[in-house]
Amino acid sequence: MKAYLITLLFCGIALSSCSNNTPGGFDTAKERLDEERKGSALGKDALTWKWSKDADEKTVTGDDPMWAAVSRITSEHPISFNNFHARIIQTEWITPADKTDIRYRFTFHVLGKSPKADSLEVLMMMEKKQGSNWVTATPDTSIRQALIDRIVSEAIRIYDQNKRD
């Protein structure tokens, strides 16, 4: 019984110190919800951590051109998974406008910072519609290669831009 009371007292003290009294914290649940609606519970700049934006607020740069390039290219599509620390981004299923009977999903794993193709691994999944079901199909490798080429070109552009700055 004594151990139970001590544990209860300790938990009460620990939980009371967890309240958000820090400057810049959320005072109400509404403020937190508003920030989440902006894109992040940590605020609008949390998604660009370690990155800076140019004056036009459109160009993302940083010390990791390959990650910046993958982030920029994938930002054009819905993302299902993004982990900066694991350096992995996965898109939702993407259906081309001209071919509604197929869909693609891409997983990007950034292996290095240098703007070279061997710094990037791209996994591509494809499904075709058969009746009302989606069935796994073999993807066209030229689509994957074109995407890799586009990302590497963007990474080189970012790298060159950073060297000039």
N, C-alpha and C. Protein backbone atom coordinates (compact mmCIF):
# COMPACT_ATOMS: atom_id res chain seq x y z
N MET A 1 0.82 -1.19 0.00
CA MET A 1 0.00 0.00 0.00
C MET A 1 0.86 1.25 0.00
N LYS A 2 1.96 1.20 0.78
CA LYS A 2 2.86 2.34 0.86
C LYS A 2 3.52 2.57 -0.50
N ALA A 3 3.93 1.50 -1.17
CA ALA A 3 4.56 1.62 -2.49
C ALA A 3 3.56 2.17 -3.50
N TYR A 4 2.30 1.79 -3.38
CA TYR A 4 1.26 2.28 -4.27
C TYR A 4 1.09 3.79 -4.12
N LEU A 5 1.07 4.28 -2.89
CA LEU A 5 0.91 5.72 -2.63
C LEU A 5 2.12 6.50 -3.13
N ILE A 6 3.31 5.96 -2.93
CA ILE A 6 4.52 6.62 -3.40
C ILE A 6 4.52 6.70 -4.92
N THR A 7 4.12 5.61 -5.58
CA THR A 7 4.05 5.59 -7.04
C THR A 7 3.02 6.59 -7.54
N LEU A 8 1.87 6.63 -6.88
CA LEU A 8 0.81 7.56 -7.26
C LEU A 8 1.27 9.01 -7.09
N LEU A 9 1.96 9.30 -5.99
CA LEU A 9 2.48 10.64 -5.74
C LEU A 9 3.52 11.02 -6.80
N PHE A 10 4.42 10.10 -7.11
CA PHE A 10 5.45 10.35 -8.11
C PHE A 10 4.82 10.62 -9.49
N CYS A 11 3.83 9.82 -9.87
CA CYS A 11 3.16 10.01 -11.16
C CYS A 11 2.45 11.35 -11.21
N GLY A 12 1.83 11.76 -10.10
CA GLY A 12 1.16 13.06 -10.05
C GLY A 12 2.13 14.20 -10.23
N ILE A 13 3.29 14.12 -9.59
CA ILE A 13 4.32 15.16 -9.74
C ILE A 13 4.85 15.17 -11.16
N ALA A 14 5.12 13.99 -11.70
CA ALA A 14 5.67 13.90 -13.07
C ALA A 14 4.68 14.45 -14.09
N LEU A 15 3.41 14.11 -13.94
CA LEU A 15 2.42 14.60 -14.89
C LEU A 15 2.19 16.10 -14.78
N SER A 16 2.28 16.63 -13.57
CA SER A 16 2.08 18.08 -13.43
C SER A 16 3.23 18.85 -14.06
N SER A 17 4.41 18.27 -14.11
CA SER A 17 5.55 18.96 -14.74
C SER A 17 5.50 18.84 -16.26
N CYS A 18 4.59 18.02 -16.78
CA CYS A 18 4.47 17.87 -18.24
C CYS A 18 3.58 18.94 -18.86
N SER A 19 2.97 19.78 -18.06
CA SER A 19 2.10 20.80 -18.64
C SER A 19 2.90 21.73 -19.51
N ASN A 20 2.26 22.31 -20.48
CA ASN A 20 2.94 23.13 -21.48
C ASN A 20 3.00 24.58 -21.01
N ASN A 21 4.04 24.92 -20.25
CA ASN A 21 4.21 26.28 -19.75
C ASN A 21 5.33 27.01 -20.47
N THR A 22 5.85 26.42 -21.53
CA THR A 22 6.99 27.02 -22.21
C THR A 22 6.53 28.10 -23.18
N PRO A 23 7.37 29.13 -23.40
CA PRO A 23 7.01 30.15 -24.38
C PRO A 23 6.89 29.52 -25.76
N GLY A 24 5.90 29.94 -26.51
CA GLY A 24 5.69 29.40 -27.85
C GLY A 24 4.89 28.12 -27.85
N GLY A 25 4.50 27.65 -26.67
CA GLY A 25 3.72 26.43 -26.60
C GLY A 25 2.26 26.71 -26.90
N PHE A 26 1.48 25.66 -26.91
CA PHE A 26 0.06 25.80 -27.20
C PHE A 26 -0.69 26.05 -25.90
N ASP A 27 -1.48 27.11 -25.85
CA ASP A 27 -2.27 27.41 -24.66
C ASP A 27 -3.59 26.66 -24.66
N THR A 28 -4.14 26.41 -25.83
CA THR A 28 -5.43 25.74 -25.90
C THR A 28 -5.40 24.65 -26.96
N ALA A 29 -6.37 23.77 -26.86
CA ALA A 29 -6.49 22.71 -27.86
C ALA A 29 -6.80 23.30 -29.23
N LYS A 30 -7.52 24.42 -29.25
CA LYS A 30 -7.85 25.07 -30.52
C LYS A 30 -6.58 25.56 -31.23
N GLU A 31 -5.63 26.14 -30.46
CA GLU A 31 -4.37 26.59 -31.08
C GLU A 31 -3.61 25.41 -31.69
N ARG A 32 -3.59 24.30 -30.98
CA ARG A 32 -2.90 23.11 -31.50
C ARG A 32 -3.58 22.62 -32.78
N LEU A 33 -4.90 22.58 -32.78
CA LEU A 33 -5.64 22.15 -33.95
C LEU A 33 -5.40 23.08 -35.13
N ASP A 34 -5.36 24.39 -34.86
CA ASP A 34 -5.08 25.36 -35.92
C ASP A 34 -3.71 25.12 -36.53
N GLU A 35 -2.71 24.83 -35.70
CA GLU A 35 -1.36 24.57 -36.21
C GLU A 35 -1.34 23.27 -37.01
N GLU A 36 -2.06 22.24 -36.55
CA GLU A 36 -2.11 20.99 -37.29
C GLU A 36 -2.75 21.18 -38.66
N ARG A 37 -3.75 22.04 -38.72
CA ARG A 37 -4.40 22.31 -40.00
C ARG A 37 -3.47 23.04 -40.96
N LYS A 38 -2.51 23.77 -40.42
CA LYS A 38 -1.53 24.46 -41.27
C LYS A 38 -0.52 23.47 -41.85
N GLY A 39 -0.46 22.26 -41.33
CA GLY A 39 0.44 21.26 -41.88
C GLY A 39 1.29 20.56 -40.85
N SER A 40 1.42 21.12 -39.65
CA SER A 40 2.25 20.49 -38.64
C SER A 40 1.86 20.99 -37.26
N ALA A 41 1.85 20.10 -36.30
CA ALA A 41 1.56 20.50 -34.93
C ALA A 41 2.69 21.36 -34.37
N LEU A 42 3.85 21.32 -35.01
CA LEU A 42 4.98 22.13 -34.58
C LEU A 42 5.02 23.47 -35.28
N GLY A 43 4.09 23.72 -36.17
CA GLY A 43 4.04 25.00 -36.87
C GLY A 43 4.38 24.83 -38.33
N LYS A 44 4.18 25.90 -39.08
CA LYS A 44 4.34 25.81 -40.53
C LYS A 44 5.78 25.57 -40.97
N ASP A 45 6.77 25.94 -40.15
CA ASP A 45 8.16 25.77 -40.54
C ASP A 45 8.73 24.41 -40.14
N ALA A 46 7.97 23.59 -39.41
CA ALA A 46 8.49 22.31 -38.95
C ALA A 46 8.78 21.37 -40.10
N LEU A 47 8.03 21.48 -41.19
CA LEU A 47 8.24 20.58 -42.32
C LEU A 47 9.49 20.94 -43.11
N THR A 48 10.03 22.13 -42.91
CA THR A 48 11.24 22.54 -43.63
C THR A 48 12.43 22.60 -42.67
N TRP A 49 12.41 21.78 -41.64
CA TRP A 49 13.49 21.74 -40.68
C TRP A 49 14.82 21.49 -41.39
N LYS A 50 15.83 22.22 -41.02
CA LYS A 50 17.17 22.14 -41.60
C LYS A 50 17.23 22.69 -43.01
N TRP A 51 16.18 23.29 -43.49
CA TRP A 51 16.18 23.84 -44.83
C TRP A 51 15.88 25.32 -44.75
N SER A 52 16.36 26.05 -45.72
CA SER A 52 16.03 27.46 -45.80
C SER A 52 15.32 27.70 -47.11
N LYS A 53 14.54 28.76 -47.17
CA LYS A 53 13.83 29.08 -48.40
C LYS A 53 14.42 30.36 -48.98
N ASP A 54 14.40 30.44 -50.30
CA ASP A 54 14.84 31.66 -50.96
C ASP A 54 13.82 32.76 -50.71
N ALA A 55 14.14 33.95 -51.20
CA ALA A 55 13.26 35.11 -51.01
C ALA A 55 11.88 34.87 -51.60
N ASP A 56 11.81 34.06 -52.67
CA ASP A 56 10.50 33.81 -53.28
C ASP A 56 9.67 32.79 -52.51
N GLU A 57 10.25 32.23 -51.43
CA GLU A 57 9.57 31.26 -50.57
C GLU A 57 9.17 29.99 -51.32
N LYS A 58 9.83 29.69 -52.42
CA LYS A 58 9.48 28.50 -53.19
C LYS A 58 10.63 27.52 -53.27
N THR A 59 11.85 27.99 -53.27
CA THR A 59 13.00 27.13 -53.48
C THR A 59 13.54 26.64 -52.15
N VAL A 60 13.55 25.33 -51.95
CA VAL A 60 14.07 24.75 -50.73
C VAL A 60 15.49 24.30 -50.98
N THR A 61 16.40 24.72 -50.13
CA THR A 61 17.80 24.33 -50.27
C THR A 61 18.29 23.80 -48.93
N GLY A 62 19.48 23.26 -48.91
CA GLY A 62 20.04 22.78 -47.67
C GLY A 62 21.38 22.12 -47.92
N ASP A 63 21.89 21.45 -46.90
CA ASP A 63 23.19 20.80 -47.04
C ASP A 63 23.06 19.38 -47.57
N ASP A 64 21.89 18.99 -47.98
CA ASP A 64 21.62 17.64 -48.47
C ASP A 64 20.81 17.75 -49.77
N PRO A 65 21.48 17.98 -50.90
CA PRO A 65 20.75 18.23 -52.14
C PRO A 65 19.88 17.07 -52.61
N MET A 66 20.28 15.83 -52.33
CA MET A 66 19.47 14.69 -52.78
C MET A 66 18.15 14.64 -52.02
N TRP A 67 18.19 14.85 -50.70
CA TRP A 67 16.95 14.86 -49.92
C TRP A 67 16.06 16.02 -50.34
N ALA A 68 16.66 17.18 -50.59
CA ALA A 68 15.89 18.34 -51.03
C ALA A 68 15.22 18.07 -52.37
N ALA A 69 15.94 17.41 -53.28
CA ALA A 69 15.37 17.11 -54.60
C ALA A 69 14.22 16.11 -54.49
N VAL A 70 14.40 15.06 -53.71
CA VAL A 70 13.33 14.07 -53.53
C VAL A 70 12.12 14.73 -52.87
N SER A 71 12.37 15.57 -51.87
CA SER A 71 11.27 16.26 -51.19
C SER A 71 10.50 17.15 -52.16
N ARG A 72 11.22 17.86 -53.00
CA ARG A 72 10.55 18.76 -53.94
C ARG A 72 9.74 17.98 -54.97
N ILE A 73 10.31 16.93 -55.54
CA ILE A 73 9.63 16.15 -56.58
C ILE A 73 8.40 15.45 -56.00
N THR A 74 8.55 14.85 -54.81
CA THR A 74 7.43 14.12 -54.22
C THR A 74 6.35 15.06 -53.68
N SER A 75 6.68 16.31 -53.46
CA SER A 75 5.67 17.25 -52.94
C SER A 75 4.57 17.51 -53.96
N GLU A 76 4.78 17.08 -55.19
CA GLU A 76 3.77 17.23 -56.23
C GLU A 76 2.66 16.18 -56.11
N HIS A 77 2.87 15.18 -55.24
CA HIS A 77 1.94 14.06 -55.11
C HIS A 77 1.58 13.85 -53.65
N PRO A 78 0.46 13.16 -53.38
CA PRO A 78 0.12 12.85 -51.99
C PRO A 78 1.14 11.89 -51.38
N ILE A 79 1.53 12.16 -50.15
CA ILE A 79 2.54 11.36 -49.45
C ILE A 79 1.84 10.49 -48.41
N SER A 80 2.19 9.19 -48.38
CA SER A 80 1.63 8.32 -47.35
C SER A 80 2.59 8.15 -46.19
N PHE A 81 3.90 8.32 -46.43
CA PHE A 81 4.90 8.12 -45.38
C PHE A 81 6.10 9.00 -45.68
N ASN A 82 6.60 9.67 -44.64
CA ASN A 82 7.77 10.53 -44.78
C ASN A 82 8.55 10.45 -43.48
N ASN A 83 9.79 9.98 -43.53
CA ASN A 83 10.62 9.89 -42.34
C ASN A 83 11.98 10.49 -42.66
N PHE A 84 12.22 11.70 -42.15
CA PHE A 84 13.48 12.40 -42.41
C PHE A 84 14.67 11.61 -41.89
N HIS A 85 14.55 11.05 -40.70
CA HIS A 85 15.69 10.36 -40.09
C HIS A 85 16.03 9.07 -40.82
N ALA A 86 15.03 8.33 -41.28
CA ALA A 86 15.28 7.12 -42.06
C ALA A 86 15.53 7.45 -43.52
N ARG A 87 15.22 8.71 -43.91
CA ARG A 87 15.43 9.21 -45.26
C ARG A 87 14.60 8.43 -46.28
N ILE A 88 13.32 8.22 -45.91
CA ILE A 88 12.39 7.48 -46.76
C ILE A 88 11.13 8.32 -46.98
N ILE A 89 10.66 8.34 -48.21
CA ILE A 89 9.39 8.97 -48.55
C ILE A 89 8.62 7.98 -49.42
N GLN A 90 7.34 7.79 -49.10
CA GLN A 90 6.49 6.92 -49.92
C GLN A 90 5.25 7.70 -50.33
N THR A 91 4.90 7.60 -51.60
CA THR A 91 3.72 8.29 -52.10
C THR A 91 2.48 7.43 -51.89
N GLU A 92 1.33 8.07 -51.95
CA GLU A 92 0.07 7.35 -52.03
C GLU A 92 -0.01 6.77 -53.45
N TRP A 93 -1.06 6.03 -53.74
CA TRP A 93 -1.27 5.54 -55.10
C TRP A 93 -1.54 6.72 -56.02
N ILE A 94 -0.84 6.75 -57.14
CA ILE A 94 -0.97 7.83 -58.12
C ILE A 94 -1.57 7.24 -59.39
N THR A 95 -2.68 7.80 -59.85
CA THR A 95 -3.33 7.35 -61.07
C THR A 95 -3.14 8.40 -62.15
N PRO A 96 -2.50 8.04 -63.27
CA PRO A 96 -2.34 9.02 -64.36
C PRO A 96 -3.70 9.45 -64.90
N ALA A 97 -3.79 10.70 -65.30
CA ALA A 97 -5.07 11.24 -65.80
C ALA A 97 -5.52 10.53 -67.07
N ASP A 98 -4.56 10.12 -67.91
CA ASP A 98 -4.92 9.50 -69.19
C ASP A 98 -5.12 7.99 -69.11
N LYS A 99 -4.72 7.36 -68.00
CA LYS A 99 -4.87 5.90 -67.85
C LYS A 99 -5.43 5.60 -66.46
N THR A 100 -6.74 5.62 -66.34
CA THR A 100 -7.35 5.43 -65.03
C THR A 100 -7.43 3.97 -64.60
N ASP A 101 -6.97 3.05 -65.46
CA ASP A 101 -7.01 1.63 -65.10
C ASP A 101 -5.68 1.14 -64.53
N ILE A 102 -4.71 2.04 -64.34
CA ILE A 102 -3.45 1.68 -63.69
C ILE A 102 -3.14 2.72 -62.61
N ARG A 103 -2.33 2.30 -61.64
CA ARG A 103 -1.88 3.23 -60.61
C ARG A 103 -0.49 2.82 -60.15
N TYR A 104 0.25 3.81 -59.64
CA TYR A 104 1.63 3.61 -59.22
C TYR A 104 1.81 4.07 -57.78
N ARG A 105 2.77 3.45 -57.11
CA ARG A 105 3.21 3.91 -55.78
C ARG A 105 4.73 3.84 -55.78
N PHE A 106 5.34 4.92 -55.30
CA PHE A 106 6.80 5.00 -55.28
C PHE A 106 7.29 5.11 -53.85
N THR A 107 8.41 4.44 -53.58
CA THR A 107 9.11 4.58 -52.31
C THR A 107 10.52 5.04 -52.63
N PHE A 108 10.91 6.16 -52.03
CA PHE A 108 12.23 6.74 -52.26
C PHE A 108 13.05 6.58 -50.99
N HIS A 109 14.24 6.01 -51.13
CA HIS A 109 15.16 5.88 -50.01
C HIS A 109 16.44 6.61 -50.39
N VAL A 110 16.71 7.71 -49.71
CA VAL A 110 17.91 8.51 -49.99
C VAL A 110 19.07 7.87 -49.24
N LEU A 111 20.06 7.40 -50.00
CA LEU A 111 21.19 6.67 -49.42
C LEU A 111 22.38 7.57 -49.13
N GLY A 112 22.46 8.71 -49.80
CA GLY A 112 23.58 9.62 -49.61
C GLY A 112 23.20 11.04 -49.95
N LYS A 113 24.11 11.97 -49.67
CA LYS A 113 23.82 13.39 -49.92
C LYS A 113 24.24 13.85 -51.30
N SER A 114 25.14 13.13 -51.94
CA SER A 114 25.66 13.59 -53.23
C SER A 114 24.61 13.46 -54.32
N PRO A 115 24.63 14.37 -55.29
CA PRO A 115 23.61 14.36 -56.36
C PRO A 115 23.94 13.36 -57.46
N LYS A 116 23.95 12.07 -57.10
CA LYS A 116 24.23 11.00 -58.05
C LYS A 116 23.15 9.93 -57.92
N ALA A 117 22.96 9.18 -58.99
CA ALA A 117 21.91 8.15 -59.00
C ALA A 117 22.14 7.07 -57.95
N ASP A 118 23.41 6.79 -57.61
CA ASP A 118 23.65 5.75 -56.62
C ASP A 118 23.39 6.23 -55.18
N SER A 119 22.99 7.48 -55.02
CA SER A 119 22.60 8.00 -53.71
C SER A 119 21.10 7.86 -53.47
N LEU A 120 20.42 7.20 -54.40
CA LEU A 120 18.97 7.10 -54.34
C LEU A 120 18.50 5.71 -54.75
N GLU A 121 17.58 5.17 -53.97
CA GLU A 121 16.92 3.91 -54.33
C GLU A 121 15.44 4.21 -54.51
N VAL A 122 14.89 3.82 -55.64
CA VAL A 122 13.48 4.05 -55.93
C VAL A 122 12.80 2.71 -56.18
N LEU A 123 11.81 2.41 -55.36
CA LEU A 123 11.00 1.21 -55.55
C LEU A 123 9.68 1.64 -56.16
N MET A 124 9.26 0.92 -57.17
CA MET A 124 8.04 1.29 -57.89
C MET A 124 7.08 0.11 -57.88
N MET A 125 5.85 0.36 -57.48
CA MET A 125 4.81 -0.66 -57.53
C MET A 125 3.75 -0.20 -58.51
N MET A 126 3.17 -1.15 -59.20
CA MET A 126 2.13 -0.83 -60.17
C MET A 126 0.99 -1.82 -60.01
N GLU A 127 -0.22 -1.33 -60.14
CA GLU A 127 -1.41 -2.18 -60.12
C GLU A 127 -2.29 -1.83 -61.31
N LYS A 128 -2.93 -2.87 -61.86
CA LYS A 128 -3.89 -2.69 -62.95
C LYS A 128 -5.26 -3.09 -62.44
N LYS A 129 -6.26 -2.43 -62.98
CA LYS A 129 -7.63 -2.72 -62.57
C LYS A 129 -8.18 -3.87 -63.40
N GLN A 130 -8.69 -4.89 -62.70
CA GLN A 130 -9.37 -6.01 -63.35
C GLN A 130 -10.75 -6.11 -62.71
N GLY A 131 -11.74 -5.68 -63.46
CA GLY A 131 -13.09 -5.61 -62.91
C GLY A 131 -13.14 -4.51 -61.87
N SER A 132 -13.45 -4.88 -60.64
CA SER A 132 -13.48 -3.88 -59.56
C SER A 132 -12.29 -4.02 -58.62
N ASN A 133 -11.34 -4.91 -58.95
CA ASN A 133 -10.18 -5.15 -58.10
C ASN A 133 -8.90 -4.62 -58.73
N TRP A 134 -7.95 -4.25 -57.88
CA TRP A 134 -6.62 -3.86 -58.33
C TRP A 134 -5.70 -5.06 -58.19
N VAL A 135 -4.96 -5.38 -59.26
CA VAL A 135 -4.07 -6.54 -59.29
C VAL A 135 -2.64 -6.06 -59.54
N THR A 136 -1.69 -6.63 -58.83
CA THR A 136 -0.28 -6.26 -59.00
C THR A 136 0.18 -6.55 -60.42
N ALA A 137 0.90 -5.62 -61.00
CA ALA A 137 1.41 -5.77 -62.36
C ALA A 137 2.89 -5.39 -62.38
N THR A 138 3.56 -5.76 -63.46
CA THR A 138 4.97 -5.42 -63.62
C THR A 138 5.08 -4.01 -64.18
N PRO A 139 5.77 -3.12 -63.45
CA PRO A 139 5.86 -1.74 -63.92
C PRO A 139 6.86 -1.58 -65.06
N ASP A 140 6.66 -0.55 -65.84
CA ASP A 140 7.57 -0.18 -66.92
C ASP A 140 8.78 0.51 -66.29
N THR A 141 9.96 -0.06 -66.47
CA THR A 141 11.16 0.49 -65.82
C THR A 141 11.56 1.85 -66.38
N SER A 142 11.07 2.21 -67.56
CA SER A 142 11.43 3.51 -68.11
C SER A 142 10.81 4.65 -67.29
N ILE A 143 9.66 4.41 -66.67
CA ILE A 143 9.04 5.42 -65.80
C ILE A 143 9.92 5.65 -64.58
N ARG A 144 10.38 4.56 -63.97
CA ARG A 144 11.25 4.64 -62.80
C ARG A 144 12.54 5.37 -63.15
N GLN A 145 13.14 5.02 -64.29
CA GLN A 145 14.40 5.65 -64.69
C GLN A 145 14.21 7.13 -64.99
N ALA A 146 13.11 7.49 -65.62
CA ALA A 146 12.84 8.91 -65.91
C ALA A 146 12.69 9.70 -64.61
N LEU A 147 12.07 9.09 -63.61
CA LEU A 147 11.91 9.74 -62.31
C LEU A 147 13.25 9.91 -61.62
N ILE A 148 14.09 8.89 -61.66
CA ILE A 148 15.43 8.99 -61.08
C ILE A 148 16.22 10.09 -61.77
N ASP A 149 16.17 10.14 -63.10
CA ASP A 149 16.89 11.17 -63.85
C ASP A 149 16.41 12.57 -63.46
N ARG A 150 15.11 12.71 -63.29
CA ARG A 150 14.55 14.02 -62.91
C ARG A 150 15.02 14.44 -61.52
N ILE A 151 15.04 13.50 -60.59
CA ILE A 151 15.48 13.79 -59.22
C ILE A 151 16.96 14.14 -59.19
N VAL A 152 17.78 13.37 -59.91
CA VAL A 152 19.22 13.64 -59.94
C VAL A 152 19.49 15.01 -60.57
N SER A 153 18.78 15.35 -61.63
CA SER A 153 18.93 16.67 -62.26
C SER A 153 18.59 17.78 -61.27
N GLU A 154 17.52 17.59 -60.52
CA GLU A 154 17.12 18.58 -59.52
C GLU A 154 18.17 18.67 -58.40
N ALA A 155 18.71 17.53 -57.98
CA ALA A 155 19.75 17.53 -56.93
C ALA A 155 21.01 18.25 -57.41
N ILE A 156 21.38 18.05 -58.67
CA ILE A 156 22.55 18.74 -59.22
C ILE A 156 22.29 20.25 -59.26
N ARG A 157 21.09 20.64 -59.65
CA ARG A 157 20.75 22.06 -59.69
C ARG A 157 20.83 22.68 -58.29
N ILE A 158 20.31 21.98 -57.28
CA ILE A 158 20.36 22.47 -55.90
C ILE A 158 21.80 22.53 -55.42
N TYR A 159 22.59 21.50 -55.73
CA TYR A 159 24.00 21.47 -55.33
C TYR A 159 24.76 22.65 -55.93
N ASP A 160 24.56 22.88 -57.23
CA ASP A 160 25.22 24.01 -57.90
C ASP A 160 24.78 25.34 -57.31
N GLN A 161 23.51 25.46 -57.01
CA GLN A 161 22.99 26.69 -56.42
C GLN A 161 23.62 26.94 -55.05
N ASN A 162 23.78 25.88 -54.26
CA ASN A 162 24.40 26.01 -52.93
C ASN A 162 25.87 26.40 -53.03
N LYS A 163 26.56 25.90 -54.05
CA LYS A 163 27.97 26.25 -54.23
C LYS A 163 28.13 27.73 -54.56
N ARG A 164 27.17 28.29 -55.32
CA ARG A 164 27.23 29.70 -55.68
C ARG A 164 26.91 30.60 -54.49
N ASP A 165 26.08 30.12 -53.57
CA ASP A 165 25.65 30.95 -52.43
C ASP A 165 26.68 31.04 -51.36
